[in-house]
PDB file of N, CA and C in Angstrom:
ATOM      1  N   GLN A   1      88.277  90.458  96.904  1.00  0.00           N
ATOM      2  CA  GLN A   1      88.932  89.777  97.984  1.00  0.00           C
ATOM      3  C   GLN A   1      88.269  90.433  99.472  1.00  0.00           C
ATOM      4  N   VAL A   2      88.093  89.700 100.354  1.00  0.00           N
ATOM      5  CA  VAL A   2      88.090  90.224 101.796  1.00  0.00           C
ATOM      6  C   VAL A   2      88.744  89.316 102.539  1.00  0.00           C
ATOM      7  N   GLN A   3      89.235  90.190 103.620  1.00  0.00           N
ATOM      8  CA  GLN A   3      89.690  89.407 104.956  1.00  0.00           C
ATOM      9  C   GLN A   3      88.854  89.583 106.057  1.00  0.00           C
ATOM     10  N   LEU A   4      88.556  88.365 106.801  1.00  0.00           N
ATOM     11  CA  LEU A   4      87.723  88.379 108.023  1.00  0.00           C
ATOM     12  C   LEU A   4      88.723  87.931 109.258  1.00  0.00           C
ATOM     13  N   VAL A   5      88.612  88.648 109.900  1.00  0.00           N
ATOM     14  CA  VAL A   5      89.507  88.382 111.434  1.00  0.00           C
ATOM     15  C   VAL A   5      88.496  88.177 112.628  1.00  0.00           C
ATOM     16  N   GLU A   6      88.338  87.132 113.127  1.00  0.00           N
ATOM     17  CA  GLU A   6      87.861  86.808 114.320  1.00  0.00           C
ATOM     18  C   GLU A   6      88.842  87.036 115.456  1.00  0.00           C
ATOM     19  N   SER A   7      87.888  87.452 116.576  1.00  0.00           N
ATOM     20  CA  SER A   7      88.429  87.328 117.885  1.00  0.00           C
ATOM     21  C   SER A   7      87.331  87.158 118.920  1.00  0.00           C
ATOM     22  N   GLY A   8      87.799  87.013 120.023  1.00  0.00           N
ATOM     23  CA  GLY A   8      87.099  86.907 121.252  1.00  0.00           C
ATOM     24  C   GLY A   8      86.937  85.450 121.823  1.00  0.00           C
ATOM     25  N   GLY A   9      87.365  84.493 121.137  1.00  0.00           N
ATOM     26  CA  GLY A   9      87.262  83.223 121.613  1.00  0.00           C
ATOM     27  C   GLY A   9      88.148  83.096 122.997  1.00  0.00           C
ATOM     28  N   GLY A  10      87.991  81.876 123.578  1.00  0.00           N
ATOM     29  CA  GLY A  10      88.655  81.523 124.744  1.00  0.00           C
ATOM     30  C   GLY A  10      88.250  80.457 125.532  1.00  0.00           C
ATOM     31  N   LEU A  11      88.792  80.069 126.849  1.00  0.00           N
ATOM     32  CA  LEU A  11      88.143  79.145 127.756  1.00  0.00           C
ATOM     33  C   LEU A  11      87.263  79.819 128.690  1.00  0.00           C
ATOM     34  N   VAL A  12      86.166  79.022 128.679  1.00  0.00           N
ATOM     35  CA  VAL A  12      85.165  79.709 129.589  1.00  0.00           C
ATOM     36  C   VAL A  12      84.272  78.250 130.465  1.00  0.00           C
ATOM     37  N   GLN A  13      84.066  78.556 131.373  1.00  0.00           N
ATOM     38  CA  GLN A  13      83.319  77.537 132.249  1.00  0.00           C
ATOM     39  C   GLN A  13      81.948  77.448 131.960  1.00  0.00           C
ATOM     40  N   ALA A  14      81.277  76.005 131.807  1.00  0.00           N
ATOM     41  CA  ALA A  14      79.915  75.963 131.427  1.00  0.00           C
ATOM     42  C   ALA A  14      79.161  77.152 132.212  1.00  0.00           C
ATOM     43  N   GLY A  15      78.089  77.743 131.577  1.00  0.00           N
ATOM     44  CA  GLY A  15      77.271  78.671 132.097  1.00  0.00           C
ATOM     45  C   GLY A  15      77.796  80.035 131.898  1.00  0.00           C
ATOM     46  N   GLY A  16      78.753  80.178 131.391  1.00  0.00           N
ATOM     47  CA  GLY A  16      79.446  81.477 131.291  1.00  0.00           C
ATOM     48  C   GLY A  16      78.948  82.108 129.720  1.00  0.00           C
ATOM     49  N   SER A  17      79.706  83.146 129.477  1.00  0.00           N
ATOM     50  CA  SER A  17      79.614  83.935 128.103  1.00  0.00           C
ATOM     51  C   SER A  17      80.748  84.305 127.424  1.00  0.00           C
ATOM     52  N   LEU A  18      80.516  84.442 126.179  1.00  0.00           N
ATOM     53  CA  LEU A  18      81.612  85.077 125.551  1.00  0.00           C
ATOM     54  C   LEU A  18      81.089  86.005 124.151  1.00  0.00           C
ATOM     55  N   ARG A  19      81.822  86.900 123.813  1.00  0.00           N
ATOM     56  CA  ARG A  19      81.466  87.546 122.619  1.00  0.00           C
ATOM     57  C   ARG A  19      82.400  87.579 121.541  1.00  0.00           C
ATOM     58  N   LEU A  20      82.273  86.996 120.525  1.00  0.00           N
ATOM     59  CA  LEU A  20      83.088  86.727 119.283  1.00  0.00           C
ATOM     60  C   LEU A  20      82.634  87.988 118.247  1.00  0.00           C
ATOM     61  N   SER A  21      83.727  88.541 117.705  1.00  0.00           N
ATOM     62  CA  SER A  21      83.687  89.632 116.637  1.00  0.00           C
ATOM     63  C   SER A  21      84.383  89.102 115.358  1.00  0.00           C
ATOM     64  N   CYS A  22      84.006  89.767 114.430  1.00  0.00           N
ATOM     65  CA  CYS A  22      84.569  89.368 113.045  1.00  0.00           C
ATOM     66  C   CYS A  22      84.765  90.739 112.416  1.00  0.00           C
ATOM     67  N   VAL A  23      85.940  91.105 112.113  1.00  0.00           N
ATOM     68  CA  VAL A  23      86.203  92.466 111.178  1.00  0.00           C
ATOM     69  C   VAL A  23      86.314  92.149 110.038  1.00  0.00           C
ATOM     70  N   ALA A  24      85.765  92.664 109.075  1.00  0.00           N
ATOM     71  CA  ALA A  24      85.992  92.448 107.521  1.00  0.00           C
ATOM     72  C   ALA A  24      86.791  93.699 107.156  1.00  0.00           C
ATOM     73  N   SER A  25      87.396  93.410 105.889  1.00  0.00           N
ATOM     74  CA  SER A  25      88.410  94.361 105.415  1.00  0.00           C
ATOM     75  C   SER A  25      87.794  95.334 104.495  1.00  0.00           C
ATOM     76  N   ARG A  26      86.533  94.924 104.231  1.00  0.00           N
ATOM     77  CA  ARG A  26      86.020  96.045 103.264  1.00  0.00           C
ATOM     78  C   ARG A  26      84.358  96.032 103.783  1.00  0.00           C
ATOM     79  N   SER A  27      83.527  96.762 103.430  1.00  0.00           N
ATOM     80  CA  SER A  27      81.922  97.016 103.727  1.00  0.00           C
ATOM     81  C   SER A  27      81.353  95.718 103.564  1.00  0.00           C
ATOM     82  N   ILE A  28      80.570  95.439 104.848  1.00  0.00           N
ATOM     83  CA  ILE A  28      79.682  94.328 104.776  1.00  0.00           C
ATOM     84  C   ILE A  28      78.261  94.488 104.491  1.00  0.00           C
ATOM     85  N   PHE A  29      77.962  95.869 104.345  1.00  0.00           N
ATOM     86  CA  PHE A  29      76.787  96.413 104.225  1.00  0.00           C
ATOM     87  C   PHE A  29      75.596  95.574 103.255  1.00  0.00           C
ATOM     88  N   SER A  30      76.342  95.078 102.226  1.00  0.00           N
ATOM     89  CA  SER A  30      75.348  94.517 101.097  1.00  0.00           C
ATOM     90  C   SER A  30      75.297  92.794 101.301  1.00  0.00           C
ATOM     91  N   TYR A  31      75.937  92.371 102.294  1.00  0.00           N
ATOM     92  CA  TYR A  31      76.231  90.963 102.439  1.00  0.00           C
ATOM     93  C   TYR A  31      75.664  90.442 103.709  1.00  0.00           C
ATOM     94  N   ALA A  32      75.281  89.210 103.282  1.00  0.00           N
ATOM     95  CA  ALA A  32      74.856  88.270 104.490  1.00  0.00           C
ATOM     96  C   ALA A  32      75.860  87.714 105.106  1.00  0.00           C
ATOM     97  N   MET A  33      75.936  87.514 106.517  1.00  0.00           N
ATOM     98  CA  MET A  33      77.084  87.198 107.179  1.00  0.00           C
ATOM     99  C   MET A  33      76.718  86.006 107.957  1.00  0.00           C
ATOM    100  N   GLY A  34      77.715  84.986 108.336  1.00  0.00           N
ATOM    101  CA  GLY A  34      77.307  83.879 109.362  1.00  0.00           C
ATOM    102  C   GLY A  34      78.666  83.467 110.150  1.00  0.00           C
ATOM    103  N   TRP A  35      78.243  82.863 111.220  1.00  0.00           N
ATOM    104  CA  TRP A  35      79.014  82.339 112.058  1.00  0.00           C
ATOM    105  C   TRP A  35      78.915  80.586 111.973  1.00  0.00           C
ATOM    106  N   TYR A  36      79.879  80.052 112.030  1.00  0.00           N
ATOM    107  CA  TYR A  36      79.914  78.482 111.887  1.00  0.00           C
ATOM    108  C   TYR A  36      80.962  78.041 112.761  1.00  0.00           C
ATOM    109  N   ARG A  37      80.684  76.769 113.259  1.00  0.00           N
ATOM    110  CA  ARG A  37      81.691  76.191 114.056  1.00  0.00           C
ATOM    111  C   ARG A  37      82.095  74.672 113.706  1.00  0.00           C
ATOM    112  N   GLN A  38      83.010  74.215 114.143  1.00  0.00           N
ATOM    113  CA  GLN A  38      83.570  72.831 113.675  1.00  0.00           C
ATOM    114  C   GLN A  38      84.301  72.231 114.810  1.00  0.00           C
ATOM    115  N   ALA A  39      83.530  71.408 115.648  1.00  0.00           N
ATOM    116  CA  ALA A  39      84.028  70.729 116.838  1.00  0.00           C
ATOM    117  C   ALA A  39      85.082  69.589 116.328  1.00  0.00           C
ATOM    118  N   PRO A  40      85.814  69.089 117.189  1.00  0.00           N
ATOM    119  CA  PRO A  40      87.018  67.949 116.743  1.00  0.00           C
ATOM    120  C   PRO A  40      86.014  66.715 116.311  1.00  0.00           C
ATOM    121  N   GLY A  41      86.725  66.384 115.395  1.00  0.00           N
ATOM    122  CA  GLY A  41      86.076  65.123 114.469  1.00  0.00           C
ATOM    123  C   GLY A  41      84.518  65.143 114.021  1.00  0.00           C
ATOM    124  N   LYS A  42      84.035  66.486 113.893  1.00  0.00           N
ATOM    125  CA  LYS A  42      82.640  66.664 113.323  1.00  0.00           C
ATOM    126  C   LYS A  42      82.971  67.585 112.175  1.00  0.00           C
ATOM    127  N   GLN A  43      81.926  67.664 111.254  1.00  0.00           N
ATOM    128  CA  GLN A  43      81.740  68.685 110.240  1.00  0.00           C
ATOM    129  C   GLN A  43      81.272  70.267 110.537  1.00  0.00           C
ATOM    130  N   ARG A  44      82.007  71.003 109.760  1.00  0.00           N
ATOM    131  CA  ARG A  44      81.498  72.452 110.083  1.00  0.00           C
ATOM    132  C   ARG A  44      80.134  72.609 110.061  1.00  0.00           C
ATOM    133  N   GLU A  45      79.292  73.208 110.999  1.00  0.00           N
ATOM    134  CA  GLU A  45      78.057  73.697 110.980  1.00  0.00           C
ATOM    135  C   GLU A  45      77.743  75.071 111.030  1.00  0.00           C
ATOM    136  N   MET A  46      76.469  75.489 110.634  1.00  0.00           N
ATOM    137  CA  MET A  46      75.996  76.793 110.627  1.00  0.00           C
ATOM    138  C   MET A  46      75.546  76.877 112.011  1.00  0.00           C
ATOM    139  N   VAL A  47      75.913  77.985 112.677  1.00  0.00           N
ATOM    140  CA  VAL A  47      75.424  78.421 114.030  1.00  0.00           C
ATOM    141  C   VAL A  47      74.403  79.522 113.897  1.00  0.00           C
ATOM    142  N   ALA A  48      74.773  80.742 113.259  1.00  0.00           N
ATOM    143  CA  ALA A  48      73.945  81.830 113.155  1.00  0.00           C
ATOM    144  C   ALA A  48      74.206  82.475 111.868  1.00  0.00           C
ATOM    145  N   TYR A  49      73.119  83.196 111.250  1.00  0.00           N
ATOM    146  CA  TYR A  49      73.371  83.826 110.234  1.00  0.00           C
ATOM    147  C   TYR A  49      72.300  84.979 110.125  1.00  0.00           C
ATOM    148  N   ILE A  50      72.924  86.049 109.619  1.00  0.00           N
ATOM    149  CA  ILE A  50      72.295  87.543 109.515  1.00  0.00           C
ATOM    150  C   ILE A  50      72.279  87.804 108.120  1.00  0.00           C
ATOM    151  N   THR A  51      71.244  88.350 107.588  1.00  0.00           N
ATOM    152  CA  THR A  51      71.273  88.658 106.285  1.00  0.00           C
ATOM    153  C   THR A  51      71.465  90.396 106.206  1.00  0.00           C
ATOM    154  N   SER A  52      71.558  90.887 105.067  1.00  0.00           N
ATOM    155  CA  SER A  52      71.708  92.202 104.704  1.00  0.00           C
ATOM    156  C   SER A  52      70.759  93.174 105.588  1.00  0.00           C
ATOM    157  N   GLY A  53      69.695  92.460 105.627  1.00  0.00           N
ATOM    158  CA  GLY A  53      68.393  93.418 105.919  1.00  0.00           C
ATOM    159  C   GLY A  53      68.211  93.095 107.540  1.00  0.00           C
ATOM    160  N   ASP A  54      69.210  92.332 108.185  1.00  0.00           N
ATOM    161  CA  ASP A  54      69.179  91.988 109.576  1.00  0.00           C
ATOM    162  C   ASP A  54      67.985  90.795 109.998  1.00  0.00           C
ATOM    163  N   GLY A  55      67.713  90.020 108.989  1.00  0.00           N
ATOM    164  CA  GLY A  55      67.066  88.872 109.372  1.00  0.00           C
ATOM    165  C   GLY A  55      68.002  87.860 110.114  1.00  0.00           C
ATOM    166  N   THR A  56      67.638  87.249 110.989  1.00  0.00           N
ATOM    167  CA  THR A  56      68.638  86.201 111.572  1.00  0.00           C
ATOM    168  C   THR A  56      67.961  84.742 111.497  1.00  0.00           C
ATOM    169  N   ASN A  57      68.938  83.725 111.458  1.00  0.00           N
ATOM    170  CA  ASN A  57      68.453  82.520 111.967  1.00  0.00           C
ATOM    171  C   ASN A  57      69.526  81.676 112.456  1.00  0.00           C
ATOM    172  N   TYR A  58      69.185  80.502 113.274  1.00  0.00           N
ATOM    173  CA  TYR A  58      70.281  79.974 114.369  1.00  0.00           C
ATOM    174  C   TYR A  58      69.993  78.447 114.291  1.00  0.00           C
ATOM    175  N   ALA A  59      71.010  77.792 114.491  1.00  0.00           N
ATOM    176  CA  ALA A  59      70.934  76.424 114.732  1.00  0.00           C
ATOM    177  C   ALA A  59      70.064  76.352 115.883  1.00  0.00           C
ATOM    178  N   ASP A  60      69.208  75.035 115.756  1.00  0.00           N
ATOM    179  CA  ASP A  60      68.227  74.915 116.962  1.00  0.00           C
ATOM    180  C   ASP A  60      69.205  74.719 118.196  1.00  0.00           C
ATOM    181  N   SER A  61      70.287  74.127 118.186  1.00  0.00           N
ATOM    182  CA  SER A  61      71.050  73.956 119.296  1.00  0.00           C
ATOM    183  C   SER A  61      71.496  75.246 120.285  1.00  0.00           C
ATOM    184  N   VAL A  62      71.455  76.378 119.609  1.00  0.00           N
ATOM    185  CA  VAL A  62      71.832  77.770 119.966  1.00  0.00           C
ATOM    186  C   VAL A  62      70.687  78.625 120.461  1.00  0.00           C
ATOM    187  N   LYS A  63      69.416  78.235 119.897  1.00  0.00           N
ATOM    188  CA  LYS A  63      68.384  79.287 119.917  1.00  0.00           C
ATOM    189  C   LYS A  63      68.014  79.626 121.610  1.00  0.00           C
ATOM    190  N   GLY A  64      68.032  80.870 121.494  1.00  0.00           N
ATOM    191  CA  GLY A  64      67.870  81.414 122.932  1.00  0.00           C
ATOM    192  C   GLY A  64      69.143  81.635 123.846  1.00  0.00           C
ATOM    193  N   ARG A  65      70.140  81.322 123.330  1.00  0.00           N
ATOM    194  CA  ARG A  65      71.514  81.294 124.075  1.00  0.00           C
ATOM    195  C   ARG A  65      72.375  82.338 123.424  1.00  0.00           C
ATOM    196  N   PHE A  66      72.314  82.179 121.767  1.00  0.00           N
ATOM    197  CA  PHE A  66      73.392  82.888 121.109  1.00  0.00           C
ATOM    198  C   PHE A  66      72.530  84.125 120.184  1.00  0.00           C
ATOM    199  N   THR A  67      73.217  85.228 120.213  1.00  0.00           N
ATOM    200  CA  THR A  67      72.518  86.228 119.309  1.00  0.00           C
ATOM    201  C   THR A  67      73.691  86.774 118.298  1.00  0.00           C
ATOM    202  N   ILE A  68      73.395  86.976 116.937  1.00  0.00           N
ATOM    203  CA  ILE A  68      74.116  87.282 115.968  1.00  0.00           C
ATOM    204  C   ILE A  68      73.642  88.717 115.806  1.00  0.00           C
ATOM    205  N   SER A  69      74.799  89.783 115.579  1.00  0.00           N
ATOM    206  CA  SER A  69      74.114  91.180 115.109  1.00  0.00           C
ATOM    207  C   SER A  69      75.431  91.708 114.360  1.00  0.00           C
ATOM    208  N   ARG A  70      75.186  92.732 113.919  1.00  0.00           N
ATOM    209  CA  ARG A  70      76.257  93.208 113.115  1.00  0.00           C
ATOM    210  C   ARG A  70      76.130  95.087 113.119  1.00  0.00           C
ATOM    211  N   ASP A  71      77.313  95.577 112.619  1.00  0.00           N
ATOM    212  CA  ASP A  71      77.599  96.950 112.824  1.00  0.00           C
ATOM    213  C   ASP A  71      78.291  97.371 111.531  1.00  0.00           C
ATOM    214  N   ASN A  72      77.380  97.653 110.661  1.00  0.00           N
ATOM    215  CA  ASN A  72      77.912  97.964 109.251  1.00  0.00           C
ATOM    216  C   ASN A  72      78.884  99.106 109.278  1.00  0.00           C
ATOM    217  N   ALA A  73      78.665 100.185 109.955  1.00  0.00           N
ATOM    218  CA  ALA A  73      79.658 101.266 110.400  1.00  0.00           C
ATOM    219  C   ALA A  73      81.165 100.694 110.628  1.00  0.00           C
ATOM    220  N   LYS A  74      81.251  99.467 111.313  1.00  0.00           N
ATOM    221  CA  LYS A  74      82.394  99.259 111.666  1.00  0.00           C
ATOM    222  C   LYS A  74      82.928  97.929 110.921  1.00  0.00           C
ATOM    223  N   ASN A  75      81.977  97.450 109.858  1.00  0.00           N
ATOM    224  CA  ASN A  75      82.340  96.150 109.072  1.00  0.00           C
ATOM    225  C   ASN A  75      82.550  95.230 110.180  1.00  0.00           C
ATOM    226  N   THR A  76      81.810  95.084 111.160  1.00  0.00           N
ATOM    227  CA  THR A  76      81.686  94.077 112.134  1.00  0.00           C
ATOM    228  C   THR A  76      80.619  93.219 112.219  1.00  0.00           C
ATOM    229  N   VAL A  77      80.507  91.999 112.447  1.00  0.00           N
ATOM    230  CA  VAL A  77      79.545  91.096 112.987  1.00  0.00           C
ATOM    231  C   VAL A  77      79.847  90.259 114.270  1.00  0.00           C
ATOM    232  N   TYR A  78      78.997  90.329 115.135  1.00  0.00           N
ATOM    233  CA  TYR A  78      79.273  89.832 116.578  1.00  0.00           C
ATOM    234  C   TYR A  78      78.432  88.558 116.675  1.00  0.00           C
ATOM    235  N   LEU A  79      78.926  87.705 117.667  1.00  0.00           N
ATOM    236  CA  LEU A  79      78.182  86.630 118.138  1.00  0.00           C
ATOM    237  C   LEU A  79      78.283  86.500 119.447  1.00  0.00           C
ATOM    238  N   GLN A  80      77.275  87.100 120.364  1.00  0.00           N
ATOM    239  CA  GLN A  80      77.128  87.013 121.843  1.00  0.00           C
ATOM    240  C   GLN A  80      76.568  85.534 122.197  1.00  0.00           C
ATOM    241  N   MET A  81      77.391  84.830 123.045  1.00  0.00           N
ATOM    242  CA  MET A  81      77.156  83.343 123.270  1.00  0.00           C
ATOM    243  C   MET A  81      77.014  83.440 124.751  1.00  0.00           C
ATOM    244  N   ASN A  82      75.728  83.098 125.337  1.00  0.00           N
ATOM    245  CA  ASN A  82      75.337  82.978 126.718  1.00  0.00           C
ATOM    246  C   ASN A  82      75.241  81.515 127.213  1.00  0.00           C
ATOM    247  N   ASN A  83      75.004  81.419 128.424  1.00  0.00           N
ATOM    248  CA  ASN A  83      74.592  79.919 129.028  1.00  0.00           C
ATOM    249  C   ASN A  83      75.718  78.884 128.184  1.00  0.00           C
ATOM    250  N   LEU A  84      76.891  79.007 127.981  1.00  0.00           N
ATOM    251  CA  LEU A  84      77.637  78.145 127.069  1.00  0.00           C
ATOM    252  C   LEU A  84      77.588  76.694 127.658  1.00  0.00           C
ATOM    253  N   LYS A  85      77.735  75.738 126.918  1.00  0.00           N
ATOM    254  CA  LYS A  85      77.788  74.323 127.154  1.00  0.00           C
ATOM    255  C   LYS A  85      78.946  73.647 126.952  1.00  0.00           C
ATOM    256  N   PRO A  86      79.542  72.587 127.297  1.00  0.00           N
ATOM    257  CA  PRO A  86      80.796  72.105 126.763  1.00  0.00           C
ATOM    258  C   PRO A  86      80.560  71.444 125.300  1.00  0.00           C
ATOM    259  N   GLU A  87      79.209  71.161 124.938  1.00  0.00           N
ATOM    260  CA  GLU A  87      79.095  70.815 123.558  1.00  0.00           C
ATOM    261  C   GLU A  87      79.253  72.156 122.391  1.00  0.00           C
ATOM    262  N   ASP A  88      79.289  72.988 123.011  1.00  0.00           N
ATOM    263  CA  ASP A  88      79.569  74.411 122.226  1.00  0.00           C
ATOM    264  C   ASP A  88      81.147  74.599 121.846  1.00  0.00           C
ATOM    265  N   THR A  89      81.899  73.725 122.448  1.00  0.00           N
ATOM    266  CA  THR A  89      83.225  73.952 122.121  1.00  0.00           C
ATOM    267  C   THR A  89      83.692  73.541 120.526  1.00  0.00           C
ATOM    268  N   GLY A  90      84.497  74.239 120.206  1.00  0.00           N
ATOM    269  CA  GLY A  90      84.949  74.314 118.733  1.00  0.00           C
ATOM    270  C   GLY A  90      85.882  75.266 118.179  1.00  0.00           C
ATOM    271  N   VAL A  91      86.144  75.422 117.016  1.00  0.00           N
ATOM    272  CA  VAL A  91      86.558  76.280 116.420  1.00  0.00           C
ATOM    273  C   VAL A  91      85.304  77.332 115.473  1.00  0.00           C
ATOM    274  N   TYR A  92      85.368  78.503 115.772  1.00  0.00           N
ATOM    275  CA  TYR A  92      84.213  79.280 115.435  1.00  0.00           C
ATOM    276  C   TYR A  92      84.764  80.313 114.307  1.00  0.00           C
ATOM    277  N   TYR A  93      83.911  80.258 112.948  1.00  0.00           N
ATOM    278  CA  TYR A  93      84.705  80.772 111.711  1.00  0.00           C
ATOM    279  C   TYR A  93      83.453  81.796 111.428  1.00  0.00           C
ATOM    280  N   CYS A  94      83.897  82.960 111.108  1.00  0.00           N
ATOM    281  CA  CYS A  94      83.030  83.903 110.433  1.00  0.00           C
ATOM    282  C   CYS A  94      82.914  83.612 108.959  1.00  0.00           C
ATOM    283  N   ARG A  95      81.931  84.044 108.288  1.00  0.00           N
ATOM    284  CA  ARG A  95      81.798  84.037 106.777  1.00  0.00           C
ATOM    285  C   ARG A  95      80.949  85.059 106.016  1.00  0.00           C
ATOM    286  N   GLN A  96      81.725  85.579 105.167  1.00  0.00           N
ATOM    287  CA  GLN A  96      80.778  86.670 104.391  1.00  0.00           C
ATOM    288  C   GLN A  96      80.186  85.623 103.173  1.00  0.00           C
ATOM    289  N   GLU A  97      78.917  85.622 103.298  1.00  0.00           N
ATOM    290  CA  GLU A  97      78.363  84.733 102.396  1.00  0.00           C
ATOM    291  C   GLU A  97      78.475  85.362 100.831  1.00  0.00           C
ATOM    292  N   PRO A  98      78.889  84.359 100.022  1.00  0.00           N
ATOM    293  CA  PRO A  98      78.755  82.729 100.060  1.00  0.00           C
ATOM    294  C   PRO A  98      80.196  82.272 100.145  1.00  0.00           C
ATOM    295  N   HIS A  99      81.227  83.155  99.917  1.00  0.00           N
ATOM    296  CA  HIS A  99      82.633  82.575  99.521  1.00  0.00           C
ATOM    297  C   HIS A  99      83.491  82.732 100.548  1.00  0.00           C
ATOM    298  N   TYR A 100      83.858  83.869 101.645  1.00  0.00           N
ATOM    299  CA  TYR A 100      84.896  84.245 102.080  1.00  0.00           C
ATOM    300  C   TYR A 100      84.759  83.735 103.525  1.00  0.00           C
ATOM    301  N   TRP A 101      85.805  83.148 103.926  1.00  0.00           N
ATOM    302  CA  TRP A 101      86.166  82.775 105.349  1.00  0.00           C
ATOM    303  C   TRP A 101      87.054  83.278 106.413  1.00  0.00           C
ATOM    304  N   GLY A 102      86.869  83.394 107.576  1.00  0.00           N
ATOM    305  CA  GLY A 102      88.087  83.915 108.490  1.00  0.00           C
ATOM    306  C   GLY A 102      88.960  82.594 108.742  1.00  0.00           C
ATOM    307  N   GLN A 103      89.796  82.905 109.599  1.00  0.00           N
ATOM    308  CA  GLN A 103      90.515  81.971 110.181  1.00  0.00           C
ATOM    309  C   GLN A 103      90.305  81.103 111.443  1.00  0.00           C
ATOM    310  N   GLY A 104      89.267  81.669 111.916  1.00  0.00           N
ATOM    311  CA  GLY A 104      88.829  80.755 113.209  1.00  0.00           C
ATOM    312  C   GLY A 104      89.327  81.191 114.405  1.00  0.00           C
ATOM    313  N   THR A 105      88.226  81.149 115.444  1.00  0.00           N
ATOM    314  CA  THR A 105      88.698  81.265 116.794  1.00  0.00           C
ATOM    315  C   THR A 105      88.382  80.274 117.777  1.00  0.00           C
ATOM    316  N   GLN A 106      89.212  79.734 118.536  1.00  0.00           N
ATOM    317  CA  GLN A 106      89.005  78.658 119.658  1.00  0.00           C
ATOM    318  C   GLN A 106      88.026  79.118 120.600  1.00  0.00           C
ATOM    319  N   VAL A 107      86.879  78.185 120.930  1.00  0.00           N
ATOM    320  CA  VAL A 107      86.126  78.408 121.940  1.00  0.00           C
ATOM    321  C   VAL A 107      86.053  76.984 122.708  1.00  0.00           C
ATOM    322  N   THR A 108      86.493  77.196 123.914  1.00  0.00           N
ATOM    323  CA  THR A 108      86.587  75.813 124.706  1.00  0.00           C
ATOM    324  C   THR A 108      85.664  76.115 125.900  1.00  0.00           C
ATOM    325  N   VAL A 109      84.430  75.056 126.217  1.00  0.00           N
ATOM    326  CA  VAL A 109      83.721  75.275 127.307  1.00  0.00           C
ATOM    327  C   VAL A 109      84.169  74.203 128.324  1.00  0.00           C
ATOM    328  N   SER A 110      84.358  74.332 129.516  1.00  0.00           N
ATOM    329  CA  SER A 110      84.681  73.269 130.624  1.00  0.00           C
ATOM    330  C   SER A 110      83.506  73.008 131.226  1.00  0.00           C
ATOM    331  N   SER A 111      83.460  71.957 131.717  1.00  0.00           N
ATOM    332  CA  SER A 111      82.184  71.244 132.489  1.00  0.00           C
ATOM    333  C   SER A 111      82.529  71.526 134.122  1.00  0.00           C
TER     334      SER A 111
END
């Protein structure tokens, strides 16, 4: 069992930036990690994914604006979000692939 705690969400104007953090209760060294989001009335979707070897993958809607990274020494994965748009609004969840989810952090982007 692992606990994942997200932080860094908030309210930001369009064009602004936020940095999300996800701290795990145990080592993430061997695990792929992902950030997902769920907008109101929509299904949860993958936003960004990083493998244990630092390979990355992004949803088309965030490519060039979001960057996922990891610090294994701190058991932490980050999501740097730049040039935010109102359609980025939602609850952002961290996942240690394939089973464990965090509780989510709200991101709201105003126009």
